[in-house]
Amino acid sequence: PYGLQRRLEIGRALANQPKLLLLDEPTAGMATDQV
């Protein structure tokens, strides 16, 4: 589902063990109850 794809993308970004995480409109297209 779309909301889980958003979470997966954040998980992939975190896999790099970043010091700085850039999130570009992470709630775009998400259902209100998922926010």
Full PDB file with SEQRES, HELIX, SHEET, SSBOND, CRYST1, ORIGX, SCALE, CONECT and MASTER records, all heavy atoms in Angstrom:
SEQRES   1 A   35  PRO TYR GLY LEU GLN ARG ARG LEU GLU ILE GLY ARG ALA          
SEQRES   2 A   35  LEU ALA ASN GLN PRO LYS LEU LEU LEU LEU ASP GLU PRO          
SEQRES   3 A   35  THR ALA GLY MET ALA THR ASP GLN VAL                          
HELIX    1 AA1 TYR A    2  LEU A   14  1                                  13    
HELIX    2 AA2 THR A   32  GLN A   34  5                                   3    
CRYST1    1.000    1.000    1.000  90.00  90.00  90.00 P 1           1          
ORIGX1      1.000000  0.000000  0.000000        0.00000                         
ORIGX2      0.000000  1.000000  0.000000        0.00000                         
ORIGX3      0.000000  0.000000  1.000000        0.00000                         
SCALE1      1.000000  0.000000  0.000000        0.00000                         
SCALE2      0.000000  1.000000  0.000000        0.00000                         
SCALE3      0.000000  0.000000  1.000000        0.00000                         
ATOM      1  N   PRO A   1       0.839  -1.201   0.000  1.00  0.00           N  
ATOM      2  CA  PRO A   1       0.000   0.000   0.000  1.00  0.00           C  
ATOM      3  C   PRO A   1       0.874   1.251   0.000  1.00  0.00           C  
ATOM      4  O   PRO A   1       2.021   1.237   0.461  1.00  0.00           O  
ATOM      5  CB  PRO A   1      -0.791  -0.116   1.313  1.00  0.00           C  
ATOM      6  CG  PRO A   1      -0.755  -1.567   1.652  1.00  0.00           C  
ATOM      7  CD  PRO A   1       0.560  -2.082   1.148  1.00  0.00           C  
ATOM      8  N   TYR A   2       0.312   2.349  -0.480  1.00  0.00           N  
ATOM      9  CA  TYR A   2       1.083   3.574  -0.678  1.00  0.00           C  
ATOM     10  C   TYR A   2       1.776   4.026   0.605  1.00  0.00           C  
ATOM     11  O   TYR A   2       2.958   4.385   0.597  1.00  0.00           O  
ATOM     12  CB  TYR A   2       0.171   4.689  -1.197  1.00  0.00           C  
ATOM     13  CG  TYR A   2       0.914   5.930  -1.614  1.00  0.00           C  
ATOM     14  CD1 TYR A   2       1.467   6.052  -2.879  1.00  0.00           C  
ATOM     15  CD2 TYR A   2       1.072   6.996  -0.722  1.00  0.00           C  
ATOM     16  CE1 TYR A   2       2.164   7.195  -3.253  1.00  0.00           C  
ATOM     17  CE2 TYR A   2       1.761   8.137  -1.091  1.00  0.00           C  
ATOM     18  CZ  TYR A   2       2.300   8.222  -2.364  1.00  0.00           C  
ATOM     19  OH  TYR A   2       2.986   9.348  -2.731  1.00  0.00           O  
ATOM     20  N   GLY A   3       1.057   4.022   1.716  1.00  0.00           N  
ATOM     21  CA  GLY A   3       1.638   4.465   2.978  1.00  0.00           C  
ATOM     22  C   GLY A   3       2.823   3.620   3.400  1.00  0.00           C  
ATOM     23  O   GLY A   3       3.809   4.130   3.951  1.00  0.00           O  
ATOM     24  N   LEU A   4       2.764   2.316   3.115  1.00  0.00           N  
ATOM     25  CA  LEU A   4       3.871   1.428   3.466  1.00  0.00           C  
ATOM     26  C   LEU A   4       5.058   1.634   2.519  1.00  0.00           C  
ATOM     27  O   LEU A   4       6.209   1.450   2.916  1.00  0.00           O  
ATOM     28  CB  LEU A   4       3.419  -0.029   3.444  1.00  0.00           C  
ATOM     29  CG  LEU A   4       2.343  -0.415   4.472  1.00  0.00           C  
ATOM     30  CD1 LEU A   4       2.127  -1.920   4.481  1.00  0.00           C  
ATOM     31  CD2 LEU A   4       2.703   0.086   5.878  1.00  0.00           C  
ATOM     32  N   GLN A   5       4.774   2.007   1.275  1.00  0.00           N  
ATOM     33  CA  GLN A   5       5.868   2.340   0.360  1.00  0.00           C  
ATOM     34  C   GLN A   5       6.645   3.555   0.867  1.00  0.00           C  
ATOM     35  O   GLN A   5       7.871   3.611   0.779  1.00  0.00           O  
ATOM     36  CB  GLN A   5       5.320   2.617  -1.043  1.00  0.00           C  
ATOM     37  CG  GLN A   5       4.812   1.379  -1.759  1.00  0.00           C  
ATOM     38  CD  GLN A   5       4.390   1.666  -3.194  1.00  0.00           C  
ATOM     39  OE1 GLN A   5       4.886   2.587  -3.823  1.00  0.00           O  
ATOM     40  NE2 GLN A   5       3.469   0.872  -3.707  1.00  0.00           N  
ATOM     41  N   ARG A   6       5.923   4.537   1.421  1.00  0.00           N  
ATOM     42  CA  ARG A   6       6.578   5.706   2.015  1.00  0.00           C  
ATOM     43  C   ARG A   6       7.504   5.269   3.161  1.00  0.00           C  
ATOM     44  O   ARG A   6       8.628   5.751   3.304  1.00  0.00           O  
ATOM     45  CB  ARG A   6       5.538   6.689   2.540  1.00  0.00           C  
ATOM     46  CG  ARG A   6       4.851   7.518   1.474  1.00  0.00           C  
ATOM     47  CD  ARG A   6       5.770   8.601   0.967  1.00  0.00           C  
ATOM     48  NE  ARG A   6       5.135   9.417  -0.058  1.00  0.00           N  
ATOM     49  CZ  ARG A   6       5.779  10.284  -0.820  1.00  0.00           C  
ATOM     50  NH1 ARG A   6       7.084  10.434  -0.682  1.00  0.00           N  
ATOM     51  NH2 ARG A   6       5.160  11.002  -1.727  1.00  0.00           N  
ATOM     52  N   ARG A   7       7.019   4.375   3.992  1.00  0.00           N  
ATOM     53  CA  ARG A   7       7.819   3.887   5.116  1.00  0.00           C  
ATOM     54  C   ARG A   7       9.045   3.111   4.620  1.00  0.00           C  
ATOM     55  O   ARG A   7      10.136   3.227   5.184  1.00  0.00           O  
ATOM     56  CB  ARG A   7       6.977   3.001   6.022  1.00  0.00           C  
ATOM     57  CG  ARG A   7       5.961   3.774   6.859  1.00  0.00           C  
ATOM     58  CD  ARG A   7       5.060   2.833   7.659  1.00  0.00           C  
ATOM     59  NE  ARG A   7       4.235   3.579   8.581  1.00  0.00           N  
ATOM     60  CZ  ARG A   7       4.564   3.870   9.832  1.00  0.00           C  
ATOM     61  NH1 ARG A   7       5.725   3.451  10.323  1.00  0.00           N  
ATOM     62  NH2 ARG A   7       3.764   4.556  10.620  1.00  0.00           N  
ATOM     63  N   LEU A   8       8.848   2.318   3.562  1.00  0.00           N  
ATOM     64  CA  LEU A   8       9.957   1.550   3.010  1.00  0.00           C  
ATOM     65  C   LEU A   8      11.041   2.483   2.478  1.00  0.00           C  
ATOM     66  O   LEU A   8      12.236   2.221   2.654  1.00  0.00           O  
ATOM     67  CB  LEU A   8       9.457   0.620   1.895  1.00  0.00           C  
ATOM     68  CG  LEU A   8      10.518  -0.208   1.172  1.00  0.00           C  
ATOM     69  CD1 LEU A   8      11.307  -1.082   2.156  1.00  0.00           C  
ATOM     70  CD2 LEU A   8       9.870  -1.078   0.086  1.00  0.00           C  
ATOM     71  N   GLU A   9      10.641   3.574   1.849  1.00  0.00           N  
ATOM     72  CA  GLU A   9      11.623   4.512   1.319  1.00  0.00           C  
ATOM     73  C   GLU A   9      12.429   5.150   2.454  1.00  0.00           C  
ATOM     74  O   GLU A   9      13.642   5.351   2.336  1.00  0.00           O  
ATOM     75  CB  GLU A   9      10.937   5.591   0.482  1.00  0.00           C  
ATOM     76  CG  GLU A   9      11.932   6.412  -0.322  1.00  0.00           C  
ATOM     77  CD  GLU A   9      11.269   7.352  -1.306  1.00  0.00           C  
ATOM     78  OE1 GLU A   9      10.233   7.936  -0.953  1.00  0.00           O  
ATOM     79  OE2 GLU A   9      11.791   7.516  -2.414  1.00  0.00           O  
ATOM     80  N   ILE A  10      11.772   5.439   3.568  1.00  0.00           N  
ATOM     81  CA  ILE A  10      12.495   5.972   4.728  1.00  0.00           C  
ATOM     82  C   ILE A  10      13.461   4.917   5.275  1.00  0.00           C  
ATOM     83  O   ILE A  10      14.607   5.219   5.614  1.00  0.00           O  
ATOM     84  CB  ILE A  10      11.501   6.430   5.815  1.00  0.00           C  
ATOM     85  CG1 ILE A  10      10.717   7.662   5.326  1.00  0.00           C  
ATOM     86  CG2 ILE A  10      12.240   6.761   7.119  1.00  0.00           C  
ATOM     87  CD1 ILE A  10       9.615   8.107   6.260  1.00  0.00           C  
ATOM     88  N   GLY A  11      13.000   3.665   5.333  1.00  0.00           N  
ATOM     89  CA  GLY A  11      13.867   2.584   5.795  1.00  0.00           C  
ATOM     90  C   GLY A  11      15.090   2.427   4.929  1.00  0.00           C  
ATOM     91  O   GLY A  11      16.214   2.229   5.430  1.00  0.00           O  
ATOM     92  N   ARG A  12      14.915   2.518   3.610  1.00  0.00           N  
ATOM     93  CA  ARG A  12      16.061   2.405   2.702  1.00  0.00           C  
ATOM     94  C   ARG A  12      17.036   3.561   2.916  1.00  0.00           C  
ATOM     95  O   ARG A  12      18.256   3.383   2.896  1.00  0.00           O  
ATOM     96  CB  ARG A  12      15.586   2.383   1.243  1.00  0.00           C  
ATOM     97  CG  ARG A  12      16.720   2.146   0.245  1.00  0.00           C  
ATOM     98  CD  ARG A  12      16.209   2.135  -1.181  1.00  0.00           C  
ATOM     99  NE  ARG A  12      15.631   3.426  -1.565  1.00  0.00           N  
ATOM    100  CZ  ARG A  12      15.036   3.650  -2.728  1.00  0.00           C  
ATOM    101  NH1 ARG A  12      14.903   2.671  -3.602  1.00  0.00           N  
ATOM    102  NH2 ARG A  12      14.543   4.841  -3.010  1.00  0.00           N  
ATOM    103  N   ALA A  13      16.507   4.768   3.136  1.00  0.00           N  
ATOM    104  CA  ALA A  13      17.372   5.923   3.394  1.00  0.00           C  
ATOM    105  C   ALA A  13      18.146   5.752   4.694  1.00  0.00           C  
ATOM    106  O   ALA A  13      19.318   6.128   4.787  1.00  0.00           O  
ATOM    107  CB  ALA A  13      16.536   7.200   3.431  1.00  0.00           C  
ATOM    108  N   LEU A  14      17.521   5.156   5.702  1.00  0.00           N  
ATOM    109  CA  LEU A  14      18.184   4.953   6.989  1.00  0.00           C  
ATOM    110  C   LEU A  14      19.259   3.871   6.919  1.00  0.00           C  
ATOM    111  O   LEU A  14      20.169   3.846   7.755  1.00  0.00           O  
ATOM    112  CB  LEU A  14      17.154   4.576   8.058  1.00  0.00           C  
ATOM    113  CG  LEU A  14      16.187   5.679   8.493  1.00  0.00           C  
ATOM    114  CD1 LEU A  14      15.140   5.115   9.436  1.00  0.00           C  
ATOM    115  CD2 LEU A  14      16.945   6.823   9.166  1.00  0.00           C  
ATOM    116  N   ALA A  15      19.164   2.982   5.934  1.00  0.00           N  
ATOM    117  CA  ALA A  15      20.124   1.886   5.820  1.00  0.00           C  
ATOM    118  C   ALA A  15      21.545   2.399   5.616  1.00  0.00           C  
ATOM    119  O   ALA A  15      22.511   1.726   5.963  1.00  0.00           O  
ATOM    120  CB  ALA A  15      19.728   0.957   4.668  1.00  0.00           C  
ATOM    121  N   ASN A  16      21.677   3.593   5.075  1.00  0.00           N  
ATOM    122  CA  ASN A  16      22.988   4.186   4.832  1.00  0.00           C  
ATOM    123  C   ASN A  16      23.627   4.732   6.112  1.00  0.00           C  
ATOM    124  O   ASN A  16      24.731   5.254   6.067  1.00  0.00           O  
ATOM    125  CB  ASN A  16      22.858   5.318   3.795  1.00  0.00           C  
ATOM    126  CG  ASN A  16      24.185   5.885   3.368  1.00  0.00           C  
ATOM    127  OD1 ASN A  16      25.143   5.161   3.144  1.00  0.00           O  
ATOM    128  ND2 ASN A  16      24.260   7.204   3.270  1.00  0.00           N  
ATOM    129  N   GLN A  17      22.913   4.623   7.241  1.00  0.00           N  
ATOM    130  CA  GLN A  17      23.374   5.163   8.519  1.00  0.00           C  
ATOM    131  C   GLN A  17      23.733   6.641   8.393  1.00  0.00           C  
ATOM    132  O   GLN A  17      24.839   7.086   8.749  1.00  0.00           O  
ATOM    133  CB  GLN A  17      24.584   4.374   9.040  1.00  0.00           C  
ATOM    134  CG  GLN A  17      24.288   2.900   9.270  1.00  0.00           C  
ATOM    135  CD  GLN A  17      25.516   2.125   9.718  1.00  0.00           C  
ATOM    136  OE1 GLN A  17      26.564   2.696  10.013  1.00  0.00           O  
ATOM    137  NE2 GLN A  17      25.388   0.814   9.772  1.00  0.00           N  
ATOM    138  N   PRO A  18      22.790   7.443   7.890  1.00  0.00           N  
ATOM    139  CA  PRO A  18      23.108   8.851   7.635  1.00  0.00           C  
ATOM    140  C   PRO A  18      23.185   9.681   8.909  1.00  0.00           C  
ATOM    141  O   PRO A  18      22.547   9.369   9.915  1.00  0.00           O  
ATOM    142  CB  PRO A  18      21.915   9.307   6.783  1.00  0.00           C  
ATOM    143  CG  PRO A  18      20.776   8.465   7.271  1.00  0.00           C  
ATOM    144  CD  PRO A  18      21.390   7.112   7.561  1.00  0.00           C  
ATOM    145  N   LYS A  19      23.973  10.749   8.827  1.00  0.00           N  
ATOM    146  CA  LYS A  19      23.961  11.765   9.874  1.00  0.00           C  
ATOM    147  C   LYS A  19      22.867  12.792   9.584  1.00  0.00           C  
ATOM    148  O   LYS A  19      22.347  13.434  10.493  1.00  0.00           O  
ATOM    149  CB  LYS A  19      25.318  12.461   9.954  1.00  0.00           C  
ATOM    150  CG  LYS A  19      26.472  11.534  10.318  1.00  0.00           C  
ATOM    151  CD  LYS A  19      27.779  12.309  10.328  1.00  0.00           C  
ATOM    152  CE  LYS A  19      28.955  11.402  10.686  1.00  0.00           C  
ATOM    153  NZ  LYS A  19      29.263  10.438   9.615  1.00  0.00           N  
ATOM    154  N   LEU A  20      22.549  12.951   8.298  1.00  0.00           N  
ATOM    155  CA  LEU A  20      21.532  13.907   7.861  1.00  0.00           C  
ATOM    156  C   LEU A  20      20.543  13.194   6.955  1.00  0.00           C  
ATOM    157  O   LEU A  20      20.934  12.557   5.977  1.00  0.00           O  
ATOM    158  CB  LEU A  20      22.189  15.068   7.106  1.00  0.00           C  
ATOM    159  CG  LEU A  20      21.249  16.086   6.454  1.00  0.00           C  
ATOM    160  CD1 LEU A  20      20.405  16.802   7.506  1.00  0.00           C  
ATOM    161  CD2 LEU A  20      22.043  17.097   5.632  1.00  0.00           C  
ATOM    162  N   LEU A  21      19.264  13.300   7.285  1.00  0.00           N  
ATOM    163  CA  LEU A  21      18.197  12.675   6.503  1.00  0.00           C  
ATOM    164  C   LEU A  21      17.314  13.754   5.902  1.00  0.00           C  
ATOM    165  O   LEU A  21      16.756  14.593   6.624  1.00  0.00           O  
ATOM    166  CB  LEU A  21      17.370  11.748   7.398  1.00  0.00           C  
ATOM    167  CG  LEU A  21      16.202  11.007   6.748  1.00  0.00           C  
ATOM    168  CD1 LEU A  21      16.696  10.051   5.663  1.00  0.00           C  
ATOM    169  CD2 LEU A  21      15.392  10.247   7.803  1.00  0.00           C  
ATOM    170  N   LEU A  22      17.198  13.757   4.570  1.00  0.00           N  
ATOM    171  CA  LEU A  22      16.358  14.706   3.852  1.00  0.00           C  
ATOM    172  C   LEU A  22      15.061  14.009   3.447  1.00  0.00           C  
ATOM    173  O   LEU A  22      15.093  13.033   2.701  1.00  0.00           O  
ATOM    174  CB  LEU A  22      17.076  15.220   2.603  1.00  0.00           C  
ATOM    175  CG  LEU A  22      18.503  15.757   2.777  1.00  0.00           C  
ATOM    176  CD1 LEU A  22      19.104  16.115   1.412  1.00  0.00           C  
ATOM    177  CD2 LEU A  22      18.516  16.970   3.685  1.00  0.00           C  
ATOM    178  N   LEU A  23      13.931  14.505   3.948  1.00  0.00           N  
ATOM    179  CA  LEU A  23      12.628  13.926   3.641  1.00  0.00           C  
ATOM    180  C   LEU A  23      11.834  14.906   2.780  1.00  0.00           C  
ATOM    181  O   LEU A  23      11.469  15.990   3.240  1.00  0.00           O  
ATOM    182  CB  LEU A  23      11.851  13.615   4.930  1.00  0.00           C  
ATOM    183  CG  LEU A  23      12.508  12.638   5.915  1.00  0.00           C  
ATOM    184  CD1 LEU A  23      11.634  12.476   7.160  1.00  0.00           C  
ATOM    185  CD2 LEU A  23      12.747  11.288   5.254  1.00  0.00           C  
ATOM    186  N   ASP A  24      11.565  14.520   1.541  1.00  0.00           N  
ATOM    187  CA  ASP A  24      10.858  15.386   0.593  1.00  0.00           C  
ATOM    188  C   ASP A  24       9.386  14.995   0.526  1.00  0.00           C  
ATOM    189  O   ASP A  24       9.022  14.003  -0.105  1.00  0.00           O  
ATOM    190  CB  ASP A  24      11.509  15.288  -0.786  1.00  0.00           C  
ATOM    191  CG  ASP A  24      11.083  16.420  -1.722  1.00  0.00           C  
ATOM    192  OD1 ASP A  24      10.190  17.198  -1.339  1.00  0.00           O  
ATOM    193  OD2 ASP A  24      11.644  16.521  -2.827  1.00  0.00           O  
ATOM    194  N   GLU A  25       8.552  15.761   1.229  1.00  0.00           N  
ATOM    195  CA  GLU A  25       7.098  15.560   1.284  1.00  0.00           C  
ATOM    196  C   GLU A  25       6.737  14.114   1.645  1.00  0.00           C  
ATOM    197  O   GLU A  25       6.062  13.411   0.874  1.00  0.00           O  
ATOM    198  CB  GLU A  25       6.450  15.975  -0.029  1.00  0.00           C  
ATOM    199  CG  GLU A  25       6.612  17.464  -0.320  1.00  0.00           C  
ATOM    200  CD  GLU A  25       5.700  17.966  -1.433  1.00  0.00           C  
ATOM    201  OE1 GLU A  25       4.594  17.422  -1.570  1.00  0.00           O  
ATOM    202  OE2 GLU A  25       6.113  18.891  -2.147  1.00  0.00           O  
ATOM    203  N   PRO A  26       7.158  13.634   2.801  1.00  0.00           N  
ATOM    204  CA  PRO A  26       6.917  12.234   3.161  1.00  0.00           C  
ATOM    205  C   PRO A  26       5.451  11.876   3.360  1.00  0.00           C  
ATOM    206  O   PRO A  26       5.098  10.707   3.262  1.00  0.00           O  
ATOM    207  CB  PRO A  26       7.702  12.074   4.473  1.00  0.00           C  
ATOM    208  CG  PRO A  26       7.770  13.449   5.043  1.00  0.00           C  
ATOM    209  CD  PRO A  26       7.896  14.350   3.856  1.00  0.00           C  
ATOM    210  N   THR A  27       4.571  12.862   3.630  1.00  0.00           N  
ATOM    211  CA  THR A  27       3.155  12.531   3.828  1.00  0.00           C  
ATOM    212  C   THR A  27       2.329  12.712   2.561  1.00  0.00           C  
ATOM    213  O   THR A  27       1.119  12.473   2.584  1.00  0.00           O  
ATOM    214  CB  THR A  27       2.533  13.401   4.953  1.00  0.00           C  
ATOM    215  OG1 THR A  27       2.421  14.761   4.499  1.00  0.00           O  
ATOM    216  CG2 THR A  27       3.360  13.335   6.220  1.00  0.00           C  
ATOM    217  N   ALA A  28       2.961  13.103   1.452  1.00  0.00           N  
ATOM    218  CA  ALA A  28       2.215  13.325   0.206  1.00  0.00           C  
ATOM    219  C   ALA A  28       1.484  12.058  -0.218  1.00  0.00           C  
ATOM    220  O   ALA A  28       2.083  10.989  -0.318  1.00  0.00           O  
ATOM    221  CB  ALA A  28       3.164  13.777  -0.893  1.00  0.00           C  
ATOM    222  N   GLY A  29       0.197  12.164  -0.451  1.00  0.00           N  
ATOM    223  CA  GLY A  29      -0.602  11.040  -0.918  1.00  0.00           C  
ATOM    224  C   GLY A  29      -1.025  10.062   0.158  1.00  0.00           C  
ATOM    225  O   GLY A  29      -1.725   9.084  -0.126  1.00  0.00           O  
ATOM    226  N   MET A  30      -0.632  10.301   1.414  1.00  0.00           N  
ATOM    227  CA  MET A  30      -0.981   9.375   2.486  1.00  0.00           C  
ATOM    228  C   MET A  30      -2.380   9.661   3.000  1.00  0.00           C  
ATOM    229  O   MET A  30      -2.852  10.798   3.011  1.00  0.00           O  
ATOM    230  CB  MET A  30       0.016   9.492   3.644  1.00  0.00           C  
ATOM    231  CG  MET A  30       1.407   9.012   3.322  1.00  0.00           C  
ATOM    232  SD  MET A  30       2.502   8.995   4.771  1.00  0.00           S  
ATOM    233  CE  MET A  30       1.800   7.637   5.702  1.00  0.00           C  
ATOM    234  N   ALA A  31      -3.064   8.605   3.460  1.00  0.00           N  
ATOM    235  CA  ALA A  31      -4.366   8.764   4.092  1.00  0.00           C  
ATOM    236  C   ALA A  31      -4.198   9.536   5.400  1.00  0.00           C  
ATOM    237  O   ALA A  31      -3.164   9.419   6.077  1.00  0.00           O  
ATOM    238  CB  ALA A  31      -4.993   7.397   4.358  1.00  0.00           C  
ATOM    239  N   THR A  32      -5.198  10.305   5.763  1.00  0.00           N  
ATOM    240  CA  THR A  32      -5.122  11.155   6.951  1.00  0.00           C  
ATOM    241  C   THR A  32      -4.806  10.358   8.210  1.00  0.00           C  
ATOM    242  O   THR A  32      -4.024  10.802   9.062  1.00  0.00           O  
ATOM    243  CB  THR A  32      -6.451  11.914   7.143  1.00  0.00           C  
ATOM    244  OG1 THR A  32      -6.719  12.689   5.956  1.00  0.00           O  
ATOM    245  CG2 THR A  32      -6.378  12.853   8.330  1.00  0.00           C  
ATOM    246  N   ASP A  33      -5.393   9.156   8.321  1.00  0.00           N  
ATOM    247  CA  ASP A  33      -5.179   8.373   9.537  1.00  0.00           C  
ATOM    248  C   ASP A  33      -3.780   7.773   9.628  1.00  0.00           C  
ATOM    249  O   ASP A  33      -3.368   7.263  10.667  1.00  0.00           O  
ATOM    250  CB  ASP A  33      -6.238   7.279   9.667  1.00  0.00           C  
ATOM    251  CG  ASP A  33      -6.221   6.286   8.509  1.00  0.00           C  
ATOM    252  OD1 ASP A  33      -5.488   6.531   7.524  1.00  0.00           O  
ATOM    253  OD2 ASP A  33      -6.929   5.271   8.591  1.00  0.00           O  
ATOM    254  N   GLN A  34      -2.994   7.825   8.516  1.00  0.00           N  
ATOM    255  CA  GLN A  34      -1.624   7.306   8.530  1.00  0.00           C  
ATOM    256  C   GLN A  34      -0.606   8.359   8.955  1.00  0.00           C  
ATOM    257  O   GLN A  34       0.514   8.030   9.334  1.00  0.00           O  
ATOM    258  CB  GLN A  34      -1.249   6.777   7.144  1.00  0.00           C  
ATOM    259  CG  GLN A  34      -2.061   5.574   6.683  1.00  0.00           C  
ATOM    260  CD  GLN A  34      -1.726   5.182   5.252  1.00  0.00           C  
ATOM    261  OE1 GLN A  34      -1.517   6.024   4.393  1.00  0.00           O  
ATOM    262  NE2 GLN A  34      -1.664   3.881   5.007  1.00  0.00           N  
ATOM    263  N   VAL A  35      -1.005   9.626   8.893  1.00  0.00           N  
ATOM    264  CA  VAL A  35      -0.068  10.725   9.143  1.00  0.00           C  
ATOM    265  C   VAL A  35       0.454  10.756  10.577  1.00  0.00           C  
ATOM    266  O   VAL A  35       1.663  10.931  10.789  1.00  0.00           O  
ATOM    267  CB  VAL A  35      -0.693  12.075   8.746  1.00  0.00           C  
ATOM    268  CG1 VAL A  35       0.196  13.240   9.165  1.00  0.00           C  
ATOM    269  CG2 VAL A  35      -0.932  12.122   7.232  1.00  0.00           C  
TER     270      VAL A  35                                                      
MASTER        0    0    0    2    0    0    0    6  269    1    0    3          
END                                                                             
